[in-house]
Amino acid sequence: HGDKAIEGASSAIKVLQAHKKQLIFVSNNCGKTVDQLQHKLKTLLNIHNIPSKSIITSGVSTAIYLKFKMNVDTEKVFLIAQDAFQKTLADHGIKILWLRTGRD
């Protein structure tokens, strides 16, 4: 929904939190970092206490897969992607091989 909250979303989240339910926010958009999505939850829904580990993006899923299933801890990844996805991989310790010299 972009920059518009789904009607009732904020209230529903607050009710679930009040009942001590574990909430996981999942996005298929790797164009935003977890920090950016946390900020969006704060500003759009007035939800201030969402831990970063409770937000999973397609970028986070890819980073976890590369690191733990493909064992790329010591390898570099050639990446063509948005800045947010690059940051997500870097935040998870994935090294990026840049096409231009001097950038890696």
N, C-alpha and C. Protein backbone atom coordinates (compact mmCIF):
# COMPACT_ATOMS: atom_id res chain seq x y z
N HIS A 1 0.81 -1.20 0.00
CA HIS A 1 0.00 0.00 0.00
C HIS A 1 0.85 1.26 0.00
N GLY A 2 2.14 1.12 -0.15
CA GLY A 2 2.99 2.29 -0.28
C GLY A 2 3.03 3.15 0.96
N ASP A 3 2.51 4.36 0.84
CA ASP A 3 2.56 5.31 1.95
C ASP A 3 1.22 5.48 2.64
N LYS A 4 0.32 4.54 2.45
CA LYS A 4 -0.97 4.58 3.13
C LYS A 4 -1.11 3.34 3.99
N ALA A 5 -1.52 3.54 5.22
CA ALA A 5 -1.73 2.40 6.12
C ALA A 5 -3.04 1.70 5.78
N ILE A 6 -3.04 0.41 5.93
CA ILE A 6 -4.28 -0.35 5.79
C ILE A 6 -5.15 -0.02 6.99
N GLU A 7 -6.40 0.27 6.73
CA GLU A 7 -7.31 0.65 7.81
C GLU A 7 -7.34 -0.42 8.90
N GLY A 8 -7.14 -0.02 10.12
CA GLY A 8 -7.18 -0.93 11.26
C GLY A 8 -5.88 -1.64 11.56
N ALA A 9 -4.88 -1.47 10.71
CA ALA A 9 -3.60 -2.18 10.90
C ALA A 9 -2.93 -1.81 12.21
N SER A 10 -2.85 -0.54 12.51
CA SER A 10 -2.19 -0.09 13.74
C SER A 10 -2.88 -0.65 14.97
N SER A 11 -4.19 -0.58 14.99
CA SER A 11 -4.96 -1.11 16.13
C SER A 11 -4.76 -2.61 16.27
N ALA A 12 -4.79 -3.32 15.16
CA ALA A 12 -4.63 -4.77 15.19
C ALA A 12 -3.25 -5.15 15.74
N ILE A 13 -2.22 -4.46 15.29
CA ILE A 13 -0.86 -4.75 15.77
C ILE A 13 -0.76 -4.48 17.26
N LYS A 14 -1.34 -3.39 17.71
CA LYS A 14 -1.28 -3.04 19.14
C LYS A 14 -2.03 -4.06 20.00
N VAL A 15 -3.15 -4.58 19.50
CA VAL A 15 -3.89 -5.62 20.22
C VAL A 15 -3.04 -6.89 20.33
N LEU A 16 -2.43 -7.29 19.23
CA LEU A 16 -1.59 -8.49 19.24
C LEU A 16 -0.40 -8.31 20.18
N GLN A 17 0.20 -7.12 20.18
CA GLN A 17 1.31 -6.85 21.10
C GLN A 17 0.84 -6.90 22.55
N ALA A 18 -0.33 -6.37 22.82
CA ALA A 18 -0.87 -6.38 24.19
C ALA A 18 -1.10 -7.81 24.68
N HIS A 19 -1.37 -8.72 23.75
CA HIS A 19 -1.56 -10.12 24.10
C HIS A 19 -0.26 -10.91 24.01
N LYS A 20 0.87 -10.19 23.93
CA LYS A 20 2.21 -10.80 23.94
C LYS A 20 2.43 -11.76 22.77
N LYS A 21 1.82 -11.49 21.64
CA LYS A 21 2.02 -12.31 20.45
C LYS A 21 3.31 -11.89 19.75
N GLN A 22 4.05 -12.87 19.25
CA GLN A 22 5.25 -12.56 18.49
C GLN A 22 4.83 -12.15 17.09
N LEU A 23 5.29 -10.99 16.66
CA LEU A 23 4.94 -10.48 15.34
C LEU A 23 6.17 -10.51 14.45
N ILE A 24 6.00 -11.00 13.24
CA ILE A 24 7.05 -10.99 12.23
C ILE A 24 6.48 -10.25 11.03
N PHE A 25 7.17 -9.23 10.59
CA PHE A 25 6.76 -8.45 9.43
C PHE A 25 7.60 -8.92 8.25
N VAL A 26 6.93 -9.39 7.19
CA VAL A 26 7.61 -9.97 6.04
C VAL A 26 7.29 -9.13 4.80
N SER A 27 8.35 -8.80 4.05
CA SER A 27 8.18 -8.02 2.83
C SER A 27 8.93 -8.70 1.69
N ASN A 28 8.35 -8.69 0.52
CA ASN A 28 9.04 -9.23 -0.65
C ASN A 28 9.81 -8.14 -1.39
N ASN A 29 9.94 -6.98 -0.79
CA ASN A 29 10.61 -5.84 -1.40
C ASN A 29 12.00 -5.69 -0.80
N CYS A 30 13.03 -5.89 -1.62
CA CYS A 30 14.40 -5.71 -1.13
C CYS A 30 14.88 -4.28 -1.33
N GLY A 31 14.01 -3.40 -1.79
CA GLY A 31 14.37 -2.01 -2.04
C GLY A 31 14.37 -1.14 -0.80
N LYS A 32 14.02 -1.70 0.34
CA LYS A 32 14.06 -0.97 1.62
C LYS A 32 14.86 -1.80 2.62
N THR A 33 15.65 -1.11 3.42
CA THR A 33 16.39 -1.80 4.48
C THR A 33 15.46 -2.04 5.66
N VAL A 34 15.90 -2.88 6.57
CA VAL A 34 15.13 -3.12 7.80
C VAL A 34 14.96 -1.82 8.56
N ASP A 35 16.01 -1.00 8.64
CA ASP A 35 15.91 0.29 9.33
C ASP A 35 14.85 1.19 8.69
N GLN A 36 14.81 1.19 7.36
CA GLN A 36 13.81 2.01 6.67
C GLN A 36 12.40 1.51 6.95
N LEU A 37 12.23 0.20 7.00
CA LEU A 37 10.90 -0.36 7.29
C LEU A 37 10.51 -0.10 8.75
N GLN A 38 11.47 -0.17 9.67
CA GLN A 38 11.17 0.19 11.06
C GLN A 38 10.68 1.63 11.13
N HIS A 39 11.37 2.51 10.43
CA HIS A 39 10.98 3.93 10.41
C HIS A 39 9.57 4.09 9.83
N LYS A 40 9.28 3.34 8.78
CA LYS A 40 7.95 3.41 8.16
C LYS A 40 6.87 2.94 9.12
N LEU A 41 7.15 1.87 9.88
CA LEU A 41 6.18 1.41 10.87
C LEU A 41 5.94 2.47 11.94
N LYS A 42 7.00 3.15 12.32
CA LYS A 42 6.87 4.21 13.34
C LYS A 42 6.04 5.37 12.82
N THR A 43 6.37 5.84 11.62
CA THR A 43 5.70 7.04 11.11
C THR A 43 4.30 6.76 10.57
N LEU A 44 4.13 5.63 9.91
CA LEU A 44 2.85 5.33 9.27
C LEU A 44 1.83 4.75 10.23
N LEU A 45 2.30 3.89 11.14
CA LEU A 45 1.36 3.18 12.03
C LEU A 45 1.51 3.56 13.50
N ASN A 46 2.48 4.44 13.80
CA ASN A 46 2.74 4.83 15.18
C ASN A 46 3.09 3.61 16.06
N ILE A 47 3.87 2.69 15.48
CA ILE A 47 4.34 1.49 16.18
C ILE A 47 5.84 1.69 16.42
N HIS A 48 6.25 1.79 17.67
CA HIS A 48 7.62 2.19 17.98
C HIS A 48 8.50 1.08 18.53
N ASN A 49 7.99 -0.06 18.81
CA ASN A 49 8.80 -1.07 19.50
C ASN A 49 8.93 -2.38 18.70
N ILE A 50 9.19 -2.26 17.42
CA ILE A 50 9.38 -3.45 16.57
C ILE A 50 10.88 -3.71 16.45
N PRO A 51 11.36 -4.80 17.01
CA PRO A 51 12.80 -5.10 16.90
C PRO A 51 13.17 -5.44 15.46
N SER A 52 14.39 -5.10 15.07
CA SER A 52 14.82 -5.34 13.70
C SER A 52 14.77 -6.82 13.34
N LYS A 53 14.98 -7.70 14.31
CA LYS A 53 14.93 -9.14 14.01
C LYS A 53 13.51 -9.61 13.67
N SER A 54 12.52 -8.76 13.88
CA SER A 54 11.14 -9.11 13.56
C SER A 54 10.71 -8.63 12.18
N ILE A 55 11.66 -8.10 11.41
CA ILE A 55 11.37 -7.65 10.05
C ILE A 55 12.22 -8.46 9.09
N ILE A 56 11.57 -9.20 8.20
CA ILE A 56 12.25 -10.04 7.23
C ILE A 56 11.90 -9.54 5.83
N THR A 57 12.91 -9.17 5.08
CA THR A 57 12.70 -8.76 3.69
C THR A 57 13.27 -9.85 2.78
N SER A 58 12.99 -9.74 1.50
CA SER A 58 13.59 -10.69 0.56
C SER A 58 15.11 -10.54 0.55
N GLY A 59 15.59 -9.34 0.84
CA GLY A 59 17.03 -9.13 0.93
C GLY A 59 17.64 -9.84 2.12
N VAL A 60 16.96 -9.79 3.26
CA VAL A 60 17.42 -10.50 4.46
C VAL A 60 17.42 -12.00 4.20
N SER A 61 16.36 -12.50 3.60
CA SER A 61 16.28 -13.93 3.29
C SER A 61 17.42 -14.35 2.37
N THR A 62 17.71 -13.54 1.37
CA THR A 62 18.79 -13.85 0.44
C THR A 62 20.14 -13.85 1.16
N ALA A 63 20.37 -12.86 2.01
CA ALA A 63 21.63 -12.79 2.76
C ALA A 63 21.82 -14.02 3.63
N ILE A 64 20.77 -14.44 4.32
CA ILE A 64 20.84 -15.62 5.18
C ILE A 64 21.11 -16.86 4.34
N TYR A 65 20.44 -16.97 3.21
CA TYR A 65 20.65 -18.11 2.32
C TYR A 65 22.09 -18.15 1.81
N LEU A 66 22.58 -17.02 1.33
CA LEU A 66 23.95 -16.97 0.82
C LEU A 66 24.97 -17.34 1.89
N LYS A 67 24.75 -16.82 3.08
CA LYS A 67 25.72 -17.02 4.15
C LYS A 67 25.70 -18.44 4.70
N PHE A 68 24.52 -18.98 4.94
CA PHE A 68 24.43 -20.26 5.64
C PHE A 68 24.20 -21.47 4.73
N LYS A 69 23.65 -21.26 3.55
CA LYS A 69 23.42 -22.39 2.64
C LYS A 69 24.48 -22.45 1.54
N MET A 70 24.94 -21.30 1.11
CA MET A 70 25.93 -21.25 0.03
C MET A 70 27.35 -21.01 0.56
N ASN A 71 27.47 -20.76 1.86
CA ASN A 71 28.78 -20.56 2.51
C ASN A 71 29.63 -19.49 1.83
N VAL A 72 29.07 -18.33 1.62
CA VAL A 72 29.82 -17.26 0.95
C VAL A 72 30.55 -16.34 1.93
N ASP A 73 30.82 -16.84 3.12
CA ASP A 73 31.52 -16.02 4.12
C ASP A 73 32.86 -15.49 3.62
N THR A 74 33.58 -16.29 2.87
CA THR A 74 34.90 -15.88 2.42
C THR A 74 34.91 -15.48 0.96
N GLU A 75 33.81 -15.65 0.28
CA GLU A 75 33.70 -15.32 -1.14
C GLU A 75 33.09 -13.93 -1.30
N LYS A 76 33.26 -13.36 -2.47
CA LYS A 76 32.59 -12.10 -2.79
C LYS A 76 31.46 -12.39 -3.76
N VAL A 77 30.43 -11.59 -3.68
CA VAL A 77 29.25 -11.76 -4.52
C VAL A 77 29.23 -10.61 -5.53
N PHE A 78 29.07 -10.95 -6.80
CA PHE A 78 28.87 -9.92 -7.83
C PHE A 78 27.39 -9.57 -7.80
N LEU A 79 27.09 -8.32 -7.55
CA LEU A 79 25.72 -7.92 -7.28
C LEU A 79 25.29 -6.78 -8.20
N ILE A 80 24.12 -6.94 -8.78
CA ILE A 80 23.47 -5.85 -9.51
C ILE A 80 22.15 -5.64 -8.79
N ALA A 81 22.08 -4.58 -8.00
CA ALA A 81 20.89 -4.40 -7.17
C ALA A 81 20.80 -2.97 -6.65
N GLN A 82 19.69 -2.69 -6.00
CA GLN A 82 19.47 -1.39 -5.38
C GLN A 82 20.37 -1.23 -4.16
N ASP A 83 20.59 0.02 -3.77
CA ASP A 83 21.44 0.33 -2.62
C ASP A 83 20.97 -0.36 -1.35
N ALA A 84 19.66 -0.42 -1.13
CA ALA A 84 19.14 -1.04 0.10
C ALA A 84 19.51 -2.52 0.16
N PHE A 85 19.46 -3.20 -0.98
CA PHE A 85 19.82 -4.62 -1.02
C PHE A 85 21.31 -4.79 -0.78
N GLN A 86 22.12 -3.92 -1.35
CA GLN A 86 23.56 -3.94 -1.12
C GLN A 86 23.86 -3.77 0.37
N LYS A 87 23.18 -2.83 1.01
CA LYS A 87 23.39 -2.58 2.44
C LYS A 87 22.96 -3.79 3.27
N THR A 88 21.86 -4.40 2.90
CA THR A 88 21.38 -5.58 3.63
C THR A 88 22.40 -6.70 3.57
N LEU A 89 22.94 -6.97 2.39
CA LEU A 89 23.96 -8.02 2.27
C LEU A 89 25.19 -7.66 3.09
N ALA A 90 25.64 -6.41 2.99
CA ALA A 90 26.81 -5.97 3.75
C ALA A 90 26.56 -6.09 5.26
N ASP A 91 25.36 -5.73 5.70
CA ASP A 91 25.01 -5.83 7.13
C ASP A 91 25.08 -7.27 7.63
N HIS A 92 24.92 -8.23 6.72
CA HIS A 92 24.98 -9.64 7.08
C HIS A 92 26.36 -10.25 6.80
N GLY A 93 27.33 -9.39 6.52
CA GLY A 93 28.70 -9.84 6.34
C GLY A 93 29.02 -10.39 4.97
N ILE A 94 28.15 -10.15 4.00
CA ILE A 94 28.40 -10.62 2.64
C ILE A 94 29.27 -9.57 1.93
N LYS A 95 30.39 -10.00 1.40
CA LYS A 95 31.29 -9.09 0.69
C LYS A 95 30.85 -8.99 -0.77
N ILE A 96 30.90 -7.77 -1.29
CA ILE A 96 30.43 -7.51 -2.64
C ILE A 96 31.61 -7.21 -3.55
N LEU A 97 31.64 -7.86 -4.69
CA LEU A 97 32.64 -7.61 -5.71
C LEU A 97 32.09 -6.54 -6.65
N TRP A 98 32.79 -5.43 -6.74
CA TRP A 98 32.35 -4.33 -7.59
C TRP A 98 33.01 -4.41 -8.94
N LEU A 99 32.29 -4.03 -9.97
CA LEU A 99 32.81 -4.06 -11.32
C LEU A 99 33.92 -3.02 -11.50
N ARG A 100 33.74 -1.86 -10.89
CA ARG A 100 34.75 -0.81 -10.98
C ARG A 100 35.87 -1.07 -9.99
N THR A 101 37.08 -0.77 -10.35
CA THR A 101 38.22 -0.99 -9.45
C THR A 101 38.20 0.03 -8.33
N GLY A 102 38.70 -0.37 -7.19
CA GLY A 102 38.82 0.53 -6.06
C GLY A 102 37.60 0.63 -5.19
N ARG A 103 36.51 -0.02 -5.55
CA ARG A 103 35.29 0.10 -4.74
C ARG A 103 35.13 -1.01 -3.73
N ASP A 104 35.76 -2.16 -3.92
CA ASP A 104 35.56 -3.27 -2.98
C ASP A 104 36.54 -3.23 -1.83
